[in-house]
Amino acid sequence: MKGVMQVRTIASLVVIAVVVAGCGGGAKKAPQGPPPLAVDVSHVTQSTIATSITLDGQVAPLQESTLSTPESGTVSAVYVNEGDRVGKGELLAKLDDAQLRAQLAATVATVQQSQARLQGSNVAAPIASQQYSSAVTTAEQAVQQAKNRVATDEAALKNATLVYQSNQQLVAQGYVAQTAMAQARSNYVAAIQELNNARQAVPAAQAVVTTAQSNTRNSGVDQATISANKAALAQAQANVSLLQTQIAQTALYAPFAGVVTQRLLDPGAFAGPNAPIVRLSQLDTVYVNANVPDEALAYVHAGTPAHFTSQSLPGKRFSGVISDVNATPTTGTLSYRARIRQANPGNVLRGGMLVSLVVEKQRHAKTTVVPRTALFTSDSGSNVYTVVDGKAKMLPVTVGLETDTLAELHGNGVNVGTVVITTRPDALQDGSVVAVAGAPAREPAAK
């Protein structure tokens, strides 16, 4: 019995020795390697990728005017306050026009006086002209009468001469009495005197004709008087129109519908000519102006879609279309002003607001894209790491469009669904053992 127990003890020791020896041999066959590198991964997807340019811009009212009047005077009323919405043609402010209205009343009286003078000269001119014509006719008749009288007196003188000469012969022969001779001589002398008087009357009558004819030239003077009266009336009427215009210009009206953004004068203040009184901005529609550098002009033109945001309006994104691009650069720069004409319901966009305007450059639809962080560059070019059997594998790729977050890739082994590493530890190399974050640990392969 004692011998059997010794045999069993020896056998147990042999088994233990064998097991220990076996265990020691196994440790030599499975040496420990470096630990796996933790990485994040993503997948190659098919999507649309677009590149864009971002431009600094600013909101400006569609129309904006600082309103004033060309007249000077005391401000009698301002009917609006800042923030008021007004319609086109609405009265905004008024200057005191009392002095201008007094001048207008005096000028209207001058017009009435000028009208009376013109009417009087128009009535008198034809009457005077008729009188001038009548005087010429009467004077010409007097000349003719004087000439007729000369002819008559010449005939009378001829007859008196014949009688007188005949009596001279007859008195010497005693056939005619001395008294008859004296009478014939008296008649002869009287006839000479009458003829002389008649001849002197002719030039006097002709002088009257000349005077009457010269008086007809007064018709031209009368017409000149009429013309002068017309000119005086026209000037007075023009002065009335001028004063009426000046009175109208003491009222300030809104040239377009908008919002009052400044009230610069109050009632009682004196406003000189063109002194600013109210500032009016049209904000129902606004311009979004942006500066386009020369190198970006190929992508920005009328009709280009764009969108913009503003830090003043967090969470809001606005879309629009470029309406025009200026043909010349902004003074002192190589940038060109581009603008969007943007509807502005509720006046959400305010004048002077800064915006970031984004314009699309290129777009590729249905192309293979990966997160941009998966892309890296080596001496051989652009590459990505994929994971094959728990190890990193470097694949060369061709890069297309790139954005801040995505990259378009083309190359062998890059297909939709391919796993790519998006975070690369410094120690990561082609063939490195990796552990994908969030994936279960790999179990050793069965022996």
Protein backbone atom coordinates (compact mmCIF):
# COMPACT_ATOMS: atom_id res chain seq x y z
CA MET A 1 0.00 0.00 0.00
CA LYS A 2 2.80 2.33 0.88
CA GLY A 3 4.48 1.55 -2.47
CA VAL A 4 1.38 2.43 -4.49
CA MET A 5 1.15 5.88 -2.86
CA GLN A 6 4.78 6.63 -3.72
CA VAL A 7 4.15 5.72 -7.39
CA ARG A 8 1.14 8.05 -7.51
CA THR A 9 3.12 10.90 -5.96
CA ILE A 10 5.92 10.52 -8.49
CA ALA A 11 3.39 10.47 -11.34
CA SER A 12 1.77 13.68 -10.08
CA LEU A 13 5.11 15.41 -9.90
CA VAL A 14 5.82 14.38 -13.49
CA VAL A 15 2.49 15.74 -14.68
CA ILE A 16 3.10 19.02 -12.87
CA ALA A 17 6.55 19.23 -14.35
CA VAL A 18 5.20 18.56 -17.82
CA VAL A 19 2.51 21.22 -17.38
CA VAL A 20 5.02 23.72 -16.11
CA ALA A 21 7.35 22.88 -18.94
CA GLY A 22 4.52 23.20 -21.42
CA CYS A 23 3.53 26.57 -20.06
CA GLY A 24 7.02 27.84 -20.30
CA GLY A 25 7.28 26.76 -23.94
CA GLY A 26 4.03 28.55 -24.87
CA ALA A 27 5.20 31.94 -23.54
CA LYS A 28 8.14 31.85 -25.87
CA LYS A 29 5.81 31.37 -28.92
CA ALA A 30 3.61 34.56 -28.25
CA PRO A 31 5.87 37.55 -27.57
CA GLN A 32 4.05 40.85 -26.68
CA GLY A 33 4.00 43.73 -29.49
CA PRO A 34 3.25 47.59 -29.33
CA PRO A 35 -0.31 48.51 -28.32
CA PRO A 36 -2.84 49.48 -31.08
CA LEU A 37 -3.18 53.20 -31.97
CA ALA A 38 -6.60 54.68 -31.20
CA VAL A 39 -8.12 56.35 -34.27
CA ASP A 40 -11.44 57.83 -35.40
CA VAL A 41 -12.86 56.83 -38.75
CA SER A 42 -15.48 57.90 -41.23
CA HIS A 43 -16.77 56.58 -44.53
CA VAL A 44 -16.44 57.74 -48.10
CA THR A 45 -19.83 59.03 -49.19
CA GLN A 46 -21.43 60.26 -52.38
CA SER A 47 -22.59 63.83 -52.07
CA THR A 48 -22.55 67.31 -53.61
CA ILE A 49 -19.58 69.54 -52.85
CA ALA A 50 -19.34 73.24 -53.66
CA THR A 51 -16.62 75.83 -53.13
CA SER A 52 -17.36 79.45 -52.40
CA ILE A 53 -15.87 82.85 -51.67
CA THR A 54 -16.82 84.96 -48.68
CA LEU A 55 -17.04 88.72 -49.06
CA ASP A 56 -17.40 91.44 -46.46
CA GLY A 57 -20.49 93.52 -47.03
CA GLN A 58 -22.77 96.12 -45.54
CA VAL A 59 -26.49 96.84 -45.69
CA ALA A 60 -27.48 100.19 -47.22
CA PRO A 61 -30.95 101.74 -47.69
CA LEU A 62 -32.37 101.54 -51.19
CA GLN A 63 -32.78 105.32 -51.02
CA GLU A 64 -31.56 107.73 -48.36
CA SER A 65 -31.76 111.52 -48.33
CA THR A 66 -31.00 114.31 -45.93
CA LEU A 67 -33.88 116.67 -46.69
CA SER A 68 -33.73 120.46 -46.69
CA THR A 69 -35.40 123.44 -48.37
CA PRO A 70 -33.75 125.99 -50.69
CA GLU A 71 -35.41 128.75 -48.66
CA SER A 72 -34.31 130.20 -45.34
CA GLY A 73 -36.50 130.99 -42.40
CA THR A 74 -37.65 130.00 -38.95
CA VAL A 75 -38.88 126.44 -38.59
CA SER A 76 -42.54 126.73 -37.67
CA ALA A 77 -43.29 122.98 -37.40
CA VAL A 78 -41.71 119.53 -37.69
CA TYR A 79 -44.41 116.91 -38.05
CA VAL A 80 -42.35 113.70 -37.66
CA ASN A 81 -40.03 112.05 -35.17
CA GLU A 82 -37.24 109.50 -35.57
CA GLY A 83 -38.63 106.05 -36.29
CA ASP A 84 -41.84 107.33 -37.91
CA ARG A 85 -42.87 105.67 -41.17
CA VAL A 86 -44.04 108.19 -43.77
CA GLY A 87 -45.57 107.93 -47.22
CA LYS A 88 -44.41 109.58 -50.41
CA GLY A 89 -45.60 113.22 -50.55
CA GLU A 90 -46.30 113.45 -46.80
CA LEU A 91 -45.61 116.86 -45.20
CA LEU A 92 -42.61 116.57 -42.88
CA ALA A 93 -41.76 120.15 -41.85
CA LYS A 94 -42.70 123.80 -42.52
CA LEU A 95 -40.86 127.14 -42.45
CA ASP A 96 -42.54 130.44 -41.55
CA ASP A 97 -43.66 132.04 -44.86
CA ALA A 98 -45.40 135.22 -43.56
CA GLN A 99 -42.87 137.60 -45.14
CA LEU A 100 -43.03 135.86 -48.49
CA ARG A 101 -46.83 136.01 -48.46
CA ALA A 102 -46.70 139.80 -47.81
CA GLN A 103 -44.33 140.20 -50.77
CA LEU A 104 -46.68 138.12 -52.86
CA ALA A 105 -49.65 140.37 -52.03
CA ALA A 106 -47.65 143.49 -53.05
CA THR A 107 -46.56 141.83 -56.28
CA VAL A 108 -50.13 140.81 -57.11
CA ALA A 109 -51.11 144.51 -56.77
CA THR A 110 -48.28 145.42 -59.15
CA VAL A 111 -49.66 142.92 -61.65
CA GLN A 112 -53.07 144.56 -61.46
CA GLN A 113 -51.55 148.03 -62.04
CA SER A 114 -49.58 146.75 -65.01
CA GLN A 115 -52.70 145.19 -66.46
CA ALA A 116 -54.54 148.54 -66.16
CA ARG A 117 -51.73 150.47 -67.87
CA LEU A 118 -51.56 147.94 -70.66
CA GLN A 119 -55.31 148.06 -71.18
CA GLY A 120 -55.25 151.90 -71.29
CA SER A 121 -52.43 151.98 -73.84
CA ASN A 122 -54.20 149.38 -75.96
CA VAL A 123 -57.35 151.53 -76.02
CA ALA A 124 -55.56 154.88 -76.62
CA ALA A 125 -53.22 153.73 -79.37
CA PRO A 126 -55.82 153.19 -82.15
CA ILE A 127 -57.63 156.47 -81.25
CA ALA A 128 -54.38 158.43 -81.45
CA SER A 129 -53.47 156.72 -84.70
CA GLN A 130 -56.82 157.75 -86.21
CA GLN A 131 -56.31 161.32 -85.00
CA TYR A 132 -52.86 161.40 -86.61
CA SER A 133 -54.31 160.18 -89.91
CA SER A 134 -57.13 162.71 -89.78
CA ALA A 135 -54.71 165.58 -89.11
CA VAL A 136 -52.66 164.61 -92.18
CA THR A 137 -55.77 164.49 -94.33
CA THR A 138 -56.97 167.89 -93.06
CA ALA A 139 -53.53 169.44 -93.62
CA GLU A 140 -53.34 168.07 -97.15
CA GLN A 141 -56.79 169.50 -97.85
CA ALA A 142 -55.62 172.89 -96.53
CA VAL A 143 -52.62 172.77 -98.89
CA GLN A 144 -54.92 172.07 -101.81
CA GLN A 145 -57.20 174.89 -100.77
CA ALA A 146 -54.21 177.25 -100.56
CA LYS A 147 -53.11 176.23 -104.04
CA ASN A 148 -56.63 176.76 -105.36
CA ARG A 149 -56.68 180.20 -103.77
CA VAL A 150 -53.36 181.04 -105.50
CA ALA A 151 -54.83 180.02 -108.83
CA THR A 152 -57.92 182.10 -108.16
CA ASP A 153 -55.88 185.12 -107.06
CA GLU A 154 -53.60 184.79 -110.10
CA ALA A 155 -56.66 184.96 -112.36
CA ALA A 156 -58.02 187.93 -110.41
CA LEU A 157 -54.64 189.68 -110.69
CA LYS A 158 -54.54 189.04 -114.41
CA ASN A 159 -57.99 190.55 -114.82
CA ALA A 160 -57.16 193.54 -112.59
CA THR A 161 -53.97 194.10 -114.57
CA LEU A 162 -55.85 194.16 -117.87
CA VAL A 163 -58.40 196.65 -116.49
CA TYR A 164 -55.72 198.81 -114.98
CA GLN A 165 -53.63 198.90 -118.18
CA SER A 166 -56.68 199.55 -120.30
CA ASN A 167 -57.78 202.47 -118.08
CA GLN A 168 -54.30 203.95 -118.29
CA GLN A 169 -54.67 204.24 -122.08
CA LEU A 170 -58.23 205.41 -121.93
CA VAL A 171 -57.64 208.04 -119.29
CA ALA A 172 -55.05 209.67 -121.51
CA GLN A 173 -57.61 209.87 -124.31
CA GLY A 174 -60.21 211.20 -121.92
CA TYR A 175 -62.53 208.25 -122.19
CA VAL A 176 -62.20 207.17 -118.55
CA ALA A 177 -62.62 209.36 -115.52
CA GLN A 178 -59.84 209.74 -113.01
CA THR A 179 -61.95 208.12 -110.37
CA ALA A 180 -62.35 204.97 -112.47
CA MET A 181 -58.65 205.01 -113.06
CA ALA A 182 -57.99 205.25 -109.34
CA GLN A 183 -60.37 202.38 -108.66
CA ALA A 184 -58.72 200.18 -111.30
CA ARG A 185 -55.35 200.93 -109.81
CA SER A 186 -56.61 200.11 -106.32
CA ASN A 187 -58.06 196.82 -107.54
CA TYR A 188 -54.77 195.99 -109.26
CA VAL A 189 -52.74 196.61 -106.06
CA ALA A 190 -55.25 194.62 -103.98
CA ALA A 191 -55.05 191.70 -106.41
CA ILE A 192 -51.26 191.67 -106.11
CA GLN A 193 -51.57 191.65 -102.33
CA GLU A 194 -54.15 188.83 -102.34
CA LEU A 195 -51.95 186.76 -104.63
CA ASN A 196 -48.93 187.29 -102.40
CA ASN A 197 -50.96 186.30 -99.35
CA ALA A 198 -52.28 183.17 -101.09
CA ARG A 199 -48.77 182.16 -102.19
CA GLN A 200 -47.50 182.58 -98.63
CA ALA A 201 -50.34 180.37 -97.34
CA VAL A 202 -49.19 177.39 -99.46
CA PRO A 203 -45.85 176.73 -97.65
CA ALA A 204 -47.58 177.30 -94.33
CA ALA A 205 -50.17 174.65 -95.22
CA GLN A 206 -47.42 172.31 -96.44
CA ALA A 207 -45.61 172.78 -93.12
CA VAL A 208 -48.79 171.68 -91.34
CA VAL A 209 -48.85 168.56 -93.54
CA THR A 210 -45.25 167.82 -92.65
CA THR A 211 -46.01 168.22 -88.95
CA ALA A 212 -49.09 166.00 -89.21
CA GLN A 213 -47.12 163.37 -91.09
CA SER A 214 -44.36 163.44 -88.48
CA ASN A 215 -47.01 163.02 -85.80
CA THR A 216 -48.02 159.72 -87.37
CA ARG A 217 -44.66 158.40 -86.21
CA ASN A 218 -46.08 158.67 -82.72
CA SER A 219 -48.00 155.50 -83.53
CA GLY A 220 -44.69 153.67 -83.24
CA VAL A 221 -44.10 155.36 -79.89
CA ASP A 222 -47.53 154.25 -78.76
CA GLN A 223 -46.74 150.66 -79.82
CA ALA A 224 -43.47 150.86 -77.91
CA THR A 225 -45.43 152.01 -74.88
CA ILE A 226 -47.75 149.03 -75.29
CA SER A 227 -44.74 146.70 -75.54
CA ALA A 228 -43.19 148.24 -72.44
CA ASN A 229 -46.45 147.81 -70.54
CA LYS A 230 -46.62 144.18 -71.67
CA ALA A 231 -43.06 143.58 -70.47
CA ALA A 232 -43.82 145.21 -67.12
CA LEU A 233 -46.88 142.99 -66.73
CA ALA A 234 -44.91 139.86 -67.65
CA GLN A 235 -42.21 140.75 -65.13
CA ALA A 236 -44.76 141.31 -62.38
CA GLN A 237 -46.45 138.00 -63.21
CA ALA A 238 -43.05 136.25 -63.12
CA ASN A 239 -42.41 137.75 -59.70
CA VAL A 240 -45.74 136.34 -58.55
CA SER A 241 -44.76 132.88 -59.82
CA LEU A 242 -41.36 133.17 -58.13
CA LEU A 243 -42.88 134.09 -54.79
CA GLN A 244 -45.46 131.31 -55.09
CA THR A 245 -42.61 128.85 -55.73
CA GLN A 246 -40.65 130.18 -52.77
CA ILE A 247 -43.71 129.82 -50.54
CA ALA A 248 -44.22 126.25 -51.77
CA GLN A 249 -40.55 125.50 -51.01
CA THR A 250 -41.01 126.42 -47.35
CA ALA A 251 -42.88 123.12 -47.00
CA LEU A 252 -40.78 119.92 -46.85
CA TYR A 253 -42.39 116.78 -48.33
CA ALA A 254 -41.19 113.17 -48.36
CA PRO A 255 -39.78 112.34 -51.82
CA PHE A 256 -40.35 108.62 -51.20
CA ALA A 257 -41.92 106.32 -48.63
CA GLY A 258 -39.54 105.42 -45.83
CA VAL A 259 -38.50 105.73 -42.19
CA VAL A 260 -37.36 108.94 -40.50
CA THR A 261 -33.84 108.13 -39.26
CA GLN A 262 -32.85 111.62 -38.07
CA ARG A 263 -34.64 114.78 -36.95
CA LEU A 264 -32.04 117.54 -37.14
CA LEU A 265 -34.02 120.72 -36.39
CA ASP A 266 -36.90 121.58 -34.08
CA PRO A 267 -39.55 124.35 -34.26
CA GLY A 268 -38.09 127.78 -33.53
CA ALA A 269 -34.69 127.03 -35.04
CA PHE A 270 -33.52 129.13 -37.98
CA ALA A 271 -32.88 127.12 -41.12
CA GLY A 272 -30.56 128.58 -43.70
CA PRO A 273 -30.83 127.61 -47.36
CA ASN A 274 -30.31 123.83 -47.76
CA ALA A 275 -29.90 123.34 -43.99
CA PRO A 276 -30.57 119.64 -43.09
CA ILE A 277 -33.92 119.21 -41.34
CA VAL A 278 -34.87 115.51 -41.62
CA ARG A 279 -33.09 112.37 -42.81
CA LEU A 280 -35.27 109.80 -44.58
CA SER A 281 -34.31 106.20 -45.44
CA GLN A 282 -36.15 103.66 -47.58
CA LEU A 283 -35.72 100.26 -45.91
CA ASP A 284 -38.60 98.13 -47.23
CA THR A 285 -36.04 97.10 -49.83
CA VAL A 286 -32.31 97.46 -49.18
CA TYR A 287 -29.00 97.03 -50.95
CA VAL A 288 -26.45 94.56 -49.63
CA ASN A 289 -23.13 95.94 -50.89
CA ALA A 290 -19.96 93.84 -50.95
CA ASN A 291 -16.40 94.44 -52.15
CA VAL A 292 -15.25 91.93 -54.76
CA PRO A 293 -11.47 91.59 -55.24
CA ASP A 294 -10.19 91.58 -58.80
CA GLU A 295 -9.31 87.87 -58.72
CA ALA A 296 -12.89 86.94 -57.74
CA LEU A 297 -14.65 88.88 -60.51
CA ALA A 298 -14.93 85.73 -62.65
CA TYR A 299 -17.35 84.26 -60.09
CA VAL A 300 -19.45 87.33 -59.25
CA HIS A 301 -21.71 88.89 -61.85
CA ALA A 302 -25.33 89.94 -62.33
CA GLY A 303 -27.57 86.92 -61.71
CA THR A 304 -25.13 85.03 -59.45
CA PRO A 305 -26.96 83.40 -56.48
CA ALA A 306 -25.61 84.34 -53.06
CA HIS A 307 -26.51 84.16 -49.39
CA PHE A 308 -25.43 86.23 -46.44
CA THR A 309 -25.53 86.31 -42.66
CA SER A 310 -24.89 88.94 -40.01
CA GLN A 311 -23.61 88.67 -36.46
CA SER A 312 -26.31 91.19 -35.59
CA LEU A 313 -28.93 88.58 -36.54
CA PRO A 314 -27.63 85.25 -35.20
CA GLY A 315 -29.28 82.18 -36.68
CA LYS A 316 -30.73 84.02 -39.69
CA ARG A 317 -29.62 83.31 -43.26
CA PHE A 318 -30.73 85.40 -46.23
CA SER A 319 -30.66 84.40 -49.89
CA GLY A 320 -30.55 86.67 -52.91
CA VAL A 321 -29.13 87.27 -56.37
CA ILE A 322 -26.37 89.71 -57.38
CA SER A 323 -28.16 92.54 -59.19
CA ASP A 324 -25.10 94.32 -60.60
CA VAL A 325 -21.33 94.74 -60.30
CA ASN A 326 -19.79 98.17 -60.70
CA ALA A 327 -17.67 98.65 -63.83
CA THR A 328 -14.96 100.59 -61.98
CA PRO A 329 -13.19 99.78 -58.72
CA THR A 330 -13.89 101.55 -55.47
CA THR A 331 -11.65 104.61 -55.14
CA GLY A 332 -8.23 103.71 -53.80
CA THR A 333 -8.78 99.94 -54.02
CA LEU A 334 -8.80 97.07 -56.51
CA SER A 335 -12.21 95.95 -55.29
CA TYR A 336 -15.45 96.27 -57.20
CA ARG A 337 -18.79 96.98 -55.57
CA ALA A 338 -21.34 94.21 -56.07
CA ARG A 339 -24.81 94.46 -54.59
CA ILE A 340 -27.97 92.53 -53.95
CA ARG A 341 -31.35 94.24 -54.06
CA GLN A 342 -33.01 92.54 -51.09
CA ALA A 343 -36.62 92.68 -49.91
CA ASN A 344 -36.70 93.57 -46.20
CA PRO A 345 -40.07 92.73 -44.60
CA GLY A 346 -40.31 94.14 -41.11
CA ASN A 347 -37.11 96.15 -41.61
CA VAL A 348 -35.06 93.33 -40.08
CA LEU A 349 -32.02 94.48 -42.05
CA ARG A 350 -30.87 97.90 -40.91
CA GLY A 351 -28.72 100.43 -42.69
CA GLY A 352 -25.02 100.03 -41.88
CA MET A 353 -25.35 96.41 -40.67
CA LEU A 354 -22.23 94.33 -41.45
CA VAL A 355 -22.74 91.03 -43.28
CA SER A 356 -20.74 88.10 -44.66
CA LEU A 357 -21.75 87.40 -48.24
CA VAL A 358 -21.09 83.94 -49.67
CA VAL A 359 -20.95 83.33 -53.43
CA GLU A 360 -20.57 79.85 -54.89
CA LYS A 361 -17.54 79.26 -57.15
CA GLN A 362 -17.81 75.61 -58.28
CA ARG A 363 -20.21 72.70 -57.64
CA HIS A 364 -19.80 68.96 -58.27
CA ALA A 365 -22.85 66.79 -57.73
CA LYS A 366 -22.87 63.03 -56.92
CA THR A 367 -19.15 62.79 -56.29
CA THR A 368 -17.09 60.91 -53.67
CA VAL A 369 -16.28 63.01 -50.63
CA VAL A 370 -14.62 62.46 -47.25
CA PRO A 371 -14.10 64.68 -44.23
CA ARG A 372 -11.20 66.96 -44.99
CA THR A 373 -9.42 65.77 -41.84
CA ALA A 374 -8.91 62.37 -43.53
CA LEU A 375 -6.67 63.95 -46.16
CA PHE A 376 -2.93 64.39 -45.64
CA THR A 377 0.07 65.17 -47.82
CA SER A 378 3.32 63.25 -48.08
CA ASP A 379 6.32 63.48 -50.37
CA SER A 380 4.43 61.37 -52.89
CA GLY A 381 1.32 63.61 -52.88
CA SER A 382 -2.11 63.47 -51.31
CA ASN A 383 -3.16 60.38 -49.35
CA VAL A 384 -5.71 58.90 -46.95
CA TYR A 385 -5.45 56.00 -44.49
CA THR A 386 -8.00 53.22 -44.64
CA VAL A 387 -8.31 50.29 -42.22
CA VAL A 388 -7.72 46.74 -43.47
CA ASP A 389 -7.64 43.82 -41.00
CA GLY A 390 -7.09 46.15 -38.08
CA LYS A 391 -4.16 47.90 -39.69
CA ALA A 392 -3.74 51.30 -41.32
CA LYS A 393 -3.24 51.25 -45.06
CA MET A 394 -2.12 54.36 -46.96
CA LEU A 395 -3.86 55.04 -50.27
CA PRO A 396 -2.72 57.73 -52.77
CA VAL A 397 -5.62 59.90 -53.99
CA THR A 398 -6.37 62.73 -56.36
CA VAL A 399 -8.04 65.71 -54.70
CA GLY A 400 -10.80 67.64 -56.42
CA LEU A 401 -12.83 70.41 -54.80
CA GLU A 402 -12.20 71.25 -51.16
CA THR A 403 -14.23 73.10 -48.56
CA ASP A 404 -13.57 73.79 -44.89
CA THR A 405 -15.01 70.38 -43.94
CA LEU A 406 -15.07 68.17 -47.03
CA ALA A 407 -12.74 67.08 -49.81
CA GLU A 408 -13.53 65.46 -53.14
CA LEU A 409 -11.34 62.38 -53.76
CA HIS A 410 -10.59 60.14 -56.73
CA GLY A 411 -8.32 57.11 -56.71
CA ASN A 412 -8.05 53.29 -56.65
CA GLY A 413 -9.54 51.83 -53.51
CA VAL A 414 -11.58 54.96 -52.71
CA ASN A 415 -15.20 53.94 -53.09
CA VAL A 416 -18.46 54.82 -51.41
CA GLY A 417 -18.45 53.11 -48.00
CA THR A 418 -14.66 52.82 -47.72
CA VAL A 419 -13.51 53.42 -44.13
CA VAL A 420 -10.96 56.26 -43.80
CA ILE A 421 -9.11 57.42 -40.70
CA THR A 422 -9.99 60.99 -39.73
CA THR A 423 -7.64 61.40 -36.75
CA ARG A 424 -4.00 60.47 -37.19
CA PRO A 425 -1.73 59.94 -34.13
CA ASP A 426 1.83 61.07 -34.74
CA ALA A 427 3.02 57.46 -34.63
CA LEU A 428 0.56 56.29 -37.29
CA GLN A 429 2.25 54.73 -40.32
CA ASP A 430 1.32 52.48 -43.16
CA GLY A 431 0.70 49.08 -41.54
CA SER A 432 0.23 50.37 -37.98
CA VAL A 433 -2.17 48.34 -35.83
CA VAL A 434 -5.12 50.54 -34.98
CA ALA A 435 -8.05 50.45 -32.62
CA VAL A 436 -11.12 52.21 -33.95
CA ALA A 437 -12.76 54.35 -31.30
CA GLY A 438 -16.10 52.91 -30.29
CA ALA A 439 -15.43 49.47 -31.88
CA PRO A 440 -15.09 46.27 -29.71
CA ALA A 441 -11.55 45.03 -28.99
CA ARG A 442 -10.36 42.29 -31.34
CA GLU A 443 -10.05 38.80 -29.86
CA PRO A 444 -6.93 36.79 -30.64
CA ALA A 445 -7.26 34.37 -33.51
CA ALA A 446 -7.95 30.73 -32.57
CA LYS A 447 -4.94 28.45 -32.50
